[in-house]
Every structure is written in C-alpha cells, then in structure tokens.
Amino acid sequence: MKKTPWFIEIDLFSPKVDSLDDPALISFRELLEDVAEEYGCDLISFDIDKGTVIFSFDSDELMAEILNILQSDGKIISK
C-alpha cells in the first residue's frame, strides 16, 4: 500500500461546522474510517476548516476511487 501525500477537500458542511467535536463531523469521520477498513487501509489525515472537510487515506486506490466518484457526480472539474 502506497502512502498518499495528497488530500481531498470537500465543502460538505455549513461554515459554522468548524470543530472536530461536531456530531455531524464525528459521524462523517466514522464513515471514512469504516471505508478505510473495507479497503484495508487507514485514514491518515482528517480536519475541518469552516465546513470544508480535508482528509487523506494511505491508499492511492481509495483516493483515486473517491476522486472518480466526485468527478462523476460533478463535484470536481478536471482540467
């Protein structure tokens, strides 16, 4: 498993959500940890900045899968 030096940032919550102790953010982190377990990897970074969630897994495969999902849902634009 290759360690990934990149992060995914998603504007997921209102700007009022700016604490790792927020119940919605705790639930989202638990979801990401469950996904990591399914892929046999770890959530290596997780943070929040005014509603924007920033995270990373130590699996290039999972990171690429998430980016593909976001791109197909129109959440990101590739150049």
PDB file of N, CA and C in Angstrom:
ATOM      1  N   MET A   1       0.841  -1.173   0.000  1.00  0.00           N
ATOM      2  CA  MET A   1       0.000   0.000   0.000  1.00  0.00           C
ATOM      3  C   MET A   1       0.893   1.245   0.000  1.00  0.00           C
ATOM      4  N   LYS A   2       0.672   2.118  -0.945  1.00  0.00           N
ATOM      5  CA  LYS A   2       1.480   3.320  -1.089  1.00  0.00           C
ATOM      6  C   LYS A   2       0.896   4.449  -0.248  1.00  0.00           C
ATOM      7  N   LYS A   3       1.738   5.139   0.491  1.00  0.00           N
ATOM      8  CA  LYS A   3       1.280   6.288   1.275  1.00  0.00           C
ATOM      9  C   LYS A   3       1.044   7.473   0.359  1.00  0.00           C
ATOM     10  N   THR A   4      -0.104   8.091   0.517  1.00  0.00           N
ATOM     11  CA  THR A   4      -0.524   9.159  -0.369  1.00  0.00           C
ATOM     12  C   THR A   4      -0.186  10.527   0.224  1.00  0.00           C
ATOM     13  N   PRO A   5       0.584  11.353  -0.481  1.00  0.00           N
ATOM     14  CA  PRO A   5       0.932  12.671   0.040  1.00  0.00           C
ATOM     15  C   PRO A   5      -0.072  13.755  -0.367  1.00  0.00           C
ATOM     16  N   TRP A   6      -1.271  13.369  -0.796  1.00  0.00           N
ATOM     17  CA  TRP A   6      -2.252  14.357  -1.234  1.00  0.00           C
ATOM     18  C   TRP A   6      -3.530  14.217  -0.426  1.00  0.00           C
ATOM     19  N   PHE A   7      -4.361  15.259  -0.492  1.00  0.00           N
ATOM     20  CA  PHE A   7      -5.564  15.352   0.324  1.00  0.00           C
ATOM     21  C   PHE A   7      -6.772  15.617  -0.555  1.00  0.00           C
ATOM     22  N   ILE A   8      -7.927  15.281  -0.020  1.00  0.00           N
ATOM     23  CA  ILE A   8      -9.187  15.625  -0.658  1.00  0.00           C
ATOM     24  C   ILE A   8      -9.858  16.666   0.220  1.00  0.00           C
ATOM     25  N   GLU A   9     -10.340  17.746  -0.406  1.00  0.00           N
ATOM     26  CA  GLU A   9     -11.073  18.802   0.298  1.00  0.00           C
ATOM     27  C   GLU A   9     -12.469  18.884  -0.296  1.00  0.00           C
ATOM     28  N   ILE A  10     -13.482  18.816   0.573  1.00  0.00           N
ATOM     29  CA  ILE A  10     -14.870  18.870   0.118  1.00  0.00           C
ATOM     30  C   ILE A  10     -15.641  19.868   0.977  1.00  0.00           C
ATOM     31  N   ASP A  11     -16.310  20.811   0.328  1.00  0.00           N
ATOM     32  CA  ASP A  11     -17.213  21.725   1.040  1.00  0.00           C
ATOM     33  C   ASP A  11     -18.484  20.936   1.336  1.00  0.00           C
ATOM     34  N   LEU A  12     -18.535  20.357   2.533  1.00  0.00           N
ATOM     35  CA  LEU A  12     -19.594  19.413   2.856  1.00  0.00           C
ATOM     36  C   LEU A  12     -20.571  19.944   3.891  1.00  0.00           C
ATOM     37  N   PHE A  13     -20.110  20.806   4.769  1.00  0.00           N
ATOM     38  CA  PHE A  13     -20.930  21.318   5.851  1.00  0.00           C
ATOM     39  C   PHE A  13     -21.028  22.841   5.768  1.00  0.00           C
ATOM     40  N   SER A  14     -21.927  23.401   6.546  1.00  0.00           N
ATOM     41  CA  SER A  14     -22.020  24.862   6.606  1.00  0.00           C
ATOM     42  C   SER A  14     -20.746  25.402   7.252  1.00  0.00           C
ATOM     43  N   PRO A  15     -20.405  26.648   6.978  1.00  0.00           N
ATOM     44  CA  PRO A  15     -19.201  27.241   7.573  1.00  0.00           C
ATOM     45  C   PRO A  15     -19.213  27.246   9.105  1.00  0.00           C
ATOM     46  N   LYS A  16     -20.390  27.091   9.697  1.00  0.00           N
ATOM     47  CA  LYS A  16     -20.477  27.043  11.162  1.00  0.00           C
ATOM     48  C   LYS A  16     -19.842  25.777  11.734  1.00  0.00           C
ATOM     49  N   VAL A  17     -19.744  24.735  10.911  1.00  0.00           N
ATOM     50  CA  VAL A  17     -19.097  23.497  11.354  1.00  0.00           C
ATOM     51  C   VAL A  17     -17.593  23.700  11.212  1.00  0.00           C
ATOM     52  N   ASP A  18     -16.948  23.925  12.332  1.00  0.00           N
ATOM     53  CA  ASP A  18     -15.523  24.247  12.318  1.00  0.00           C
ATOM     54  C   ASP A  18     -14.792  23.608  13.492  1.00  0.00           C
ATOM     55  N   SER A  19     -15.349  22.502  13.999  1.00  0.00           N
ATOM     56  CA  SER A  19     -14.755  21.818  15.135  1.00  0.00           C
ATOM     57  C   SER A  19     -14.809  20.312  14.910  1.00  0.00           C
ATOM     58  N   LEU A  20     -13.731  19.643  15.231  1.00  0.00           N
ATOM     59  CA  LEU A  20     -13.697  18.192  15.096  1.00  0.00           C
ATOM     60  C   LEU A  20     -14.633  17.499  16.074  1.00  0.00           C
ATOM     61  N   ASP A  21     -15.168  18.250  17.031  1.00  0.00           N
ATOM     62  CA  ASP A  21     -16.101  17.694  18.014  1.00  0.00           C
ATOM     63  C   ASP A  21     -17.552  17.784  17.575  1.00  0.00           C
ATOM     64  N   ASP A  22     -17.832  18.379  16.430  1.00  0.00           N
ATOM     65  CA  ASP A  22     -19.202  18.496  15.939  1.00  0.00           C
ATOM     66  C   ASP A  22     -19.761  17.097  15.657  1.00  0.00           C
ATOM     67  N   PRO A  23     -20.967  16.784  16.148  1.00  0.00           N
ATOM     68  CA  PRO A  23     -21.541  15.439  15.966  1.00  0.00           C
ATOM     69  C   PRO A  23     -21.624  14.996  14.500  1.00  0.00           C
ATOM     70  N   ALA A  24     -21.967  15.901  13.592  1.00  0.00           N
ATOM     71  CA  ALA A  24     -22.042  15.533  12.181  1.00  0.00           C
ATOM     72  C   ALA A  24     -20.666  15.166  11.642  1.00  0.00           C
ATOM     73  N   LEU A  25     -19.663  15.885  12.082  1.00  0.00           N
ATOM     74  CA  LEU A  25     -18.303  15.612  11.629  1.00  0.00           C
ATOM     75  C   LEU A  25     -17.778  14.306  12.219  1.00  0.00           C
ATOM     76  N   ILE A  26     -18.128  14.036  13.451  1.00  0.00           N
ATOM     77  CA  ILE A  26     -17.743  12.764  14.077  1.00  0.00           C
ATOM     78  C   ILE A  26     -18.345  11.602  13.293  1.00  0.00           C
ATOM     79  N   SER A  27     -19.610  11.725  12.906  1.00  0.00           N
ATOM     80  CA  SER A  27     -20.270  10.667  12.119  1.00  0.00           C
ATOM     81  C   SER A  27     -19.588  10.485  10.770  1.00  0.00           C
ATOM     82  N   PHE A  28     -19.219  11.592  10.125  1.00  0.00           N
ATOM     83  CA  PHE A  28     -18.557  11.501   8.826  1.00  0.00           C
ATOM     84  C   PHE A  28     -17.190  10.847   8.970  1.00  0.00           C
ATOM     85  N   ARG A  29     -16.471  11.188  10.022  1.00  0.00           N
ATOM     86  CA  ARG A  29     -15.158  10.564  10.246  1.00  0.00           C
ATOM     87  C   ARG A  29     -15.313   9.059  10.456  1.00  0.00           C
ATOM     88  N   GLU A  30     -16.322   8.664  11.218  1.00  0.00           N
ATOM     89  CA  GLU A  30     -16.565   7.234  11.437  1.00  0.00           C
ATOM     90  C   GLU A  30     -16.868   6.526  10.116  1.00  0.00           C
ATOM     91  N   LEU A  31     -17.621   7.186   9.239  1.00  0.00           N
ATOM     92  CA  LEU A  31     -17.915   6.631   7.923  1.00  0.00           C
ATOM     93  C   LEU A  31     -16.623   6.429   7.126  1.00  0.00           C
ATOM     94  N   LEU A  32     -15.754   7.445   7.132  1.00  0.00           N
ATOM     95  CA  LEU A  32     -14.481   7.334   6.418  1.00  0.00           C
ATOM     96  C   LEU A  32     -13.604   6.229   6.997  1.00  0.00           C
ATOM     97  N   GLU A  33     -13.619   6.074   8.319  1.00  0.00           N
ATOM     98  CA  GLU A  33     -12.836   5.012   8.953  1.00  0.00           C
ATOM     99  C   GLU A  33     -13.379   3.634   8.571  1.00  0.00           C
ATOM    100  N   ASP A  34     -14.707   3.507   8.446  1.00  0.00           N
ATOM    101  CA  ASP A  34     -15.308   2.248   8.002  1.00  0.00           C
ATOM    102  C   ASP A  34     -14.896   1.928   6.572  1.00  0.00           C
ATOM    103  N   VAL A  35     -14.892   2.944   5.712  1.00  0.00           N
ATOM    104  CA  VAL A  35     -14.471   2.753   4.323  1.00  0.00           C
ATOM    105  C   VAL A  35     -12.996   2.327   4.290  1.00  0.00           C
ATOM    106  N   ALA A  36     -12.181   2.971   5.087  1.00  0.00           N
ATOM    107  CA  ALA A  36     -10.759   2.617   5.139  1.00  0.00           C
ATOM    108  C   ALA A  36     -10.589   1.153   5.550  1.00  0.00           C
ATOM    109  N   GLU A  37     -11.353   0.726   6.526  1.00  0.00           N
ATOM    110  CA  GLU A  37     -11.272  -0.665   6.974  1.00  0.00           C
ATOM    111  C   GLU A  37     -11.649  -1.626   5.842  1.00  0.00           C
ATOM    112  N   GLU A  38     -12.688  -1.278   5.087  1.00  0.00           N
ATOM    113  CA  GLU A  38     -13.103  -2.115   3.958  1.00  0.00           C
ATOM    114  C   GLU A  38     -11.999  -2.226   2.904  1.00  0.00           C
ATOM    115  N   TYR A  39     -11.226  -1.168   2.725  1.00  0.00           N
ATOM    116  CA  TYR A  39     -10.148  -1.157   1.736  1.00  0.00           C
ATOM    117  C   TYR A  39      -8.812  -1.624   2.318  1.00  0.00           C
ATOM    118  N   GLY A  40      -8.801  -1.956   3.589  1.00  0.00           N
ATOM    119  CA  GLY A  40      -7.569  -2.423   4.221  1.00  0.00           C
ATOM    120  C   GLY A  40      -6.514  -1.345   4.340  1.00  0.00           C
ATOM    121  N   CYS A  41      -6.964  -0.119   4.591  1.00  0.00           N
ATOM    122  CA  CYS A  41      -6.024   0.994   4.731  1.00  0.00           C
ATOM    123  C   CYS A  41      -6.432   1.842   5.934  1.00  0.00           C
ATOM    124  N   ASP A  42      -5.777   2.981   6.090  1.00  0.00           N
ATOM    125  CA  ASP A  42      -6.047   3.871   7.222  1.00  0.00           C
ATOM    126  C   ASP A  42      -6.394   5.272   6.749  1.00  0.00           C
ATOM    127  N   LEU A  43      -7.252   5.924   7.515  1.00  0.00           N
ATOM    128  CA  LEU A  43      -7.498   7.347   7.364  1.00  0.00           C
ATOM    129  C   LEU A  43      -6.327   8.031   8.061  1.00  0.00           C
ATOM    130  N   ILE A  44      -5.464   8.683   7.297  1.00  0.00           N
ATOM    131  CA  ILE A  44      -4.231   9.209   7.898  1.00  0.00           C
ATOM    132  C   ILE A  44      -4.310  10.695   8.229  1.00  0.00           C
ATOM    133  N   SER A  45      -5.320  11.368   7.687  1.00  0.00           N
ATOM    134  CA  SER A  45      -5.477  12.784   7.975  1.00  0.00           C
ATOM    135  C   SER A  45      -6.959  13.127   7.918  1.00  0.00           C
ATOM    136  N   PHE A  46      -7.397  13.975   8.856  1.00  0.00           N
ATOM    137  CA  PHE A  46      -8.790  14.397   8.890  1.00  0.00           C
ATOM    138  C   PHE A  46      -8.862  15.740   9.601  1.00  0.00           C
ATOM    139  N   ASP A  47      -9.449  16.736   8.932  1.00  0.00           N
ATOM    140  CA  ASP A  47      -9.552  18.069   9.535  1.00  0.00           C
ATOM    141  C   ASP A  47     -10.772  18.778   8.960  1.00  0.00           C
ATOM    142  N   ILE A  48     -11.120  19.891   9.574  1.00  0.00           N
ATOM    143  CA  ILE A  48     -12.250  20.716   9.127  1.00  0.00           C
ATOM    144  C   ILE A  48     -11.813  22.172   9.140  1.00  0.00           C
ATOM    145  N   ASP A  49     -12.250  22.913   8.142  1.00  0.00           N
ATOM    146  CA  ASP A  49     -11.976  24.349   8.089  1.00  0.00           C
ATOM    147  C   ASP A  49     -13.220  25.057   7.559  1.00  0.00           C
ATOM    148  N   LYS A  50     -14.003  25.604   8.459  1.00  0.00           N
ATOM    149  CA  LYS A  50     -15.224  26.352   8.106  1.00  0.00           C
ATOM    150  C   LYS A  50     -16.122  25.568   7.149  1.00  0.00           C
ATOM    151  N   GLY A  51     -16.390  24.316   7.499  1.00  0.00           N
ATOM    152  CA  GLY A  51     -17.292  23.487   6.721  1.00  0.00           C
ATOM    153  C   GLY A  51     -16.634  22.651   5.649  1.00  0.00           C
ATOM    154  N   THR A  52     -15.372  22.940   5.352  1.00  0.00           N
ATOM    155  CA  THR A  52     -14.642  22.165   4.356  1.00  0.00           C
ATOM    156  C   THR A  52     -13.899  21.032   5.058  1.00  0.00           C
ATOM    157  N   VAL A  53     -14.203  19.802   4.648  1.00  0.00           N
ATOM    158  CA  VAL A  53     -13.555  18.627   5.222  1.00  0.00           C
ATOM    159  C   VAL A  53     -12.313  18.313   4.397  1.00  0.00           C
ATOM    160  N   ILE A  54     -11.210  18.062   5.097  1.00  0.00           N
ATOM    161  CA  ILE A  54      -9.935  17.748   4.458  1.00  0.00           C
ATOM    162  C   ILE A  54      -9.486  16.397   4.997  1.00  0.00           C
ATOM    163  N   PHE A  55      -9.262  15.439   4.095  1.00  0.00           N
ATOM    164  CA  PHE A  55      -8.874  14.112   4.569  1.00  0.00           C
ATOM    165  C   PHE A  55      -7.982  13.410   3.565  1.00  0.00           C
ATOM    166  N   SER A  56      -7.341  12.340   4.060  1.00  0.00           N
ATOM    167  CA  SER A  56      -6.458  11.546   3.217  1.00  0.00           C
ATOM    168  C   SER A  56      -6.398  10.124   3.765  1.00  0.00           C
ATOM    169  N   PHE A  57      -6.292   9.176   2.838  1.00  0.00           N
ATOM    170  CA  PHE A  57      -6.082   7.775   3.190  1.00  0.00           C
ATOM    171  C   PHE A  57      -4.691   7.372   2.729  1.00  0.00           C
ATOM    172  N   ASP A  58      -4.168   6.288   3.286  1.00  0.00           N
ATOM    173  CA  ASP A  58      -2.856   5.809   2.847  1.00  0.00           C
ATOM    174  C   ASP A  58      -2.982   4.789   1.718  1.00  0.00           C
ATOM    175  N   SER A  59      -4.006   4.981   0.891  1.00  0.00           N
ATOM    176  CA  SER A  59      -4.224   4.104  -0.257  1.00  0.00           C
ATOM    177  C   SER A  59      -4.491   4.955  -1.501  1.00  0.00           C
ATOM    178  N   ASP A  60      -3.584   4.881  -2.465  1.00  0.00           N
ATOM    179  CA  ASP A  60      -3.800   5.596  -3.723  1.00  0.00           C
ATOM    180  C   ASP A  60      -5.061   5.084  -4.418  1.00  0.00           C
ATOM    181  N   GLU A  61      -5.318   3.782  -4.299  1.00  0.00           N
ATOM    182  CA  GLU A  61      -6.500   3.190  -4.929  1.00  0.00           C
ATOM    183  C   GLU A  61      -7.786   3.825  -4.392  1.00  0.00           C
ATOM    184  N   LEU A  62      -7.897   3.939  -3.075  1.00  0.00           N
ATOM    185  CA  LEU A  62      -9.097   4.528  -2.480  1.00  0.00           C
ATOM    186  C   LEU A  62      -9.199   6.016  -2.795  1.00  0.00           C
ATOM    187  N   MET A  63      -8.079   6.725  -2.727  1.00  0.00           N
ATOM    188  CA  MET A  63      -8.105   8.149  -3.039  1.00  0.00           C
ATOM    189  C   MET A  63      -8.570   8.363  -4.486  1.00  0.00           C
ATOM    190  N   ALA A  64      -8.068   7.557  -5.410  1.00  0.00           N
ATOM    191  CA  ALA A  64      -8.464   7.678  -6.811  1.00  0.00           C
ATOM    192  C   ALA A  64      -9.947   7.342  -6.988  1.00  0.00           C
ATOM    193  N   GLU A  65     -10.411   6.340  -6.273  1.00  0.00           N
ATOM    194  CA  GLU A  65     -11.826   5.956  -6.349  1.00  0.00           C
ATOM    195  C   GLU A  65     -12.725   7.109  -5.884  1.00  0.00           C
ATOM    196  N   ILE A  66     -12.346   7.746  -4.796  1.00  0.00           N
ATOM    197  CA  ILE A  66     -13.129   8.877  -4.279  1.00  0.00           C
ATOM    198  C   ILE A  66     -13.127  10.021  -5.286  1.00  0.00           C
ATOM    199  N   LEU A  67     -11.972  10.322  -5.856  1.00  0.00           N
ATOM    200  CA  LEU A  67     -11.903  11.388  -6.861  1.00  0.00           C
ATOM    201  C   LEU A  67     -12.763  11.058  -8.075  1.00  0.00           C
ATOM    202  N   ASN A  68     -12.769   9.809  -8.504  1.00  0.00           N
ATOM    203  CA  ASN A  68     -13.619   9.402  -9.633  1.00  0.00           C
ATOM    204  C   ASN A  68     -15.095   9.588  -9.309  1.00  0.00           C
ATOM    205  N   ILE A  69     -15.491   9.238  -8.093  1.00  0.00           N
ATOM    206  CA  ILE A  69     -16.888   9.412  -7.671  1.00  0.00           C
ATOM    207  C   ILE A  69     -17.250  10.894  -7.658  1.00  0.00           C
ATOM    208  N   LEU A  70     -16.386  11.707  -7.083  1.00  0.00           N
ATOM    209  CA  LEU A  70     -16.657  13.146  -7.023  1.00  0.00           C
ATOM    210  C   LEU A  70     -16.717  13.754  -8.416  1.00  0.00           C
ATOM    211  N   GLN A  71     -15.839  13.298  -9.296  1.00  0.00           N
ATOM    212  CA  GLN A  71     -15.830  13.823 -10.657  1.00  0.00           C
ATOM    213  C   GLN A  71     -17.105  13.408 -11.397  1.00  0.00           C
ATOM    214  N   SER A  72     -17.524  12.167 -11.256  1.00  0.00           N
ATOM    215  CA  SER A  72     -18.721  11.701 -11.960  1.00  0.00           C
ATOM    216  C   SER A  72     -19.990  12.351 -11.412  1.00  0.00           C
ATOM    217  N   ASP A  73     -19.958  12.776 -10.151  1.00  0.00           N
ATOM    218  CA  ASP A  73     -21.104  13.469  -9.553  1.00  0.00           C
ATOM    219  C   ASP A  73     -21.063  14.966  -9.808  1.00  0.00           C
ATOM    220  N   GLY A  74     -20.056  15.428 -10.547  1.00  0.00           N
ATOM    221  CA  GLY A  74     -19.951  16.853 -10.864  1.00  0.00           C
ATOM    222  C   GLY A  74     -19.429  17.700  -9.724  1.00  0.00           C
ATOM    223  N   LYS A  75     -18.828  17.062  -8.715  1.00  0.00           N
ATOM    224  CA  LYS A  75     -18.314  17.792  -7.565  1.00  0.00           C
ATOM    225  C   LYS A  75     -16.937  18.394  -7.817  1.00  0.00           C
ATOM    226  N   ILE A  76     -16.208  17.834  -8.796  1.00  0.00           N
ATOM    227  CA  ILE A  76     -14.910  18.402  -9.149  1.00  0.00           C
ATOM    228  C   ILE A  76     -14.829  18.526 -10.663  1.00  0.00           C
ATOM    229  N   ILE A  77     -13.992  19.382 -11.103  1.00  0.00           N
ATOM    230  CA  ILE A  77     -13.786  19.594 -12.526  1.00  0.00           C
ATOM    231  C   ILE A  77     -12.340  19.272 -12.843  1.00  0.00           C
ATOM    232  N   SER A  78     -12.137  18.385 -13.791  1.00  0.00           N
ATOM    233  CA  SER A  78     -10.766  18.058 -14.176  1.00  0.00           C
ATOM    234  C   SER A  78     -10.347  18.978 -15.311  1.00  0.00           C
ATOM    235  N   LYS A  79      -9.065  19.252 -15.364  1.00  0.00           N
ATOM    236  CA  LYS A  79      -8.532  20.137 -16.418  1.00  0.00           C
ATOM    237  C   LYS A  79      -7.772  19.323 -17.417  1.00  0.00           C
TER     238      LYS A  79
END
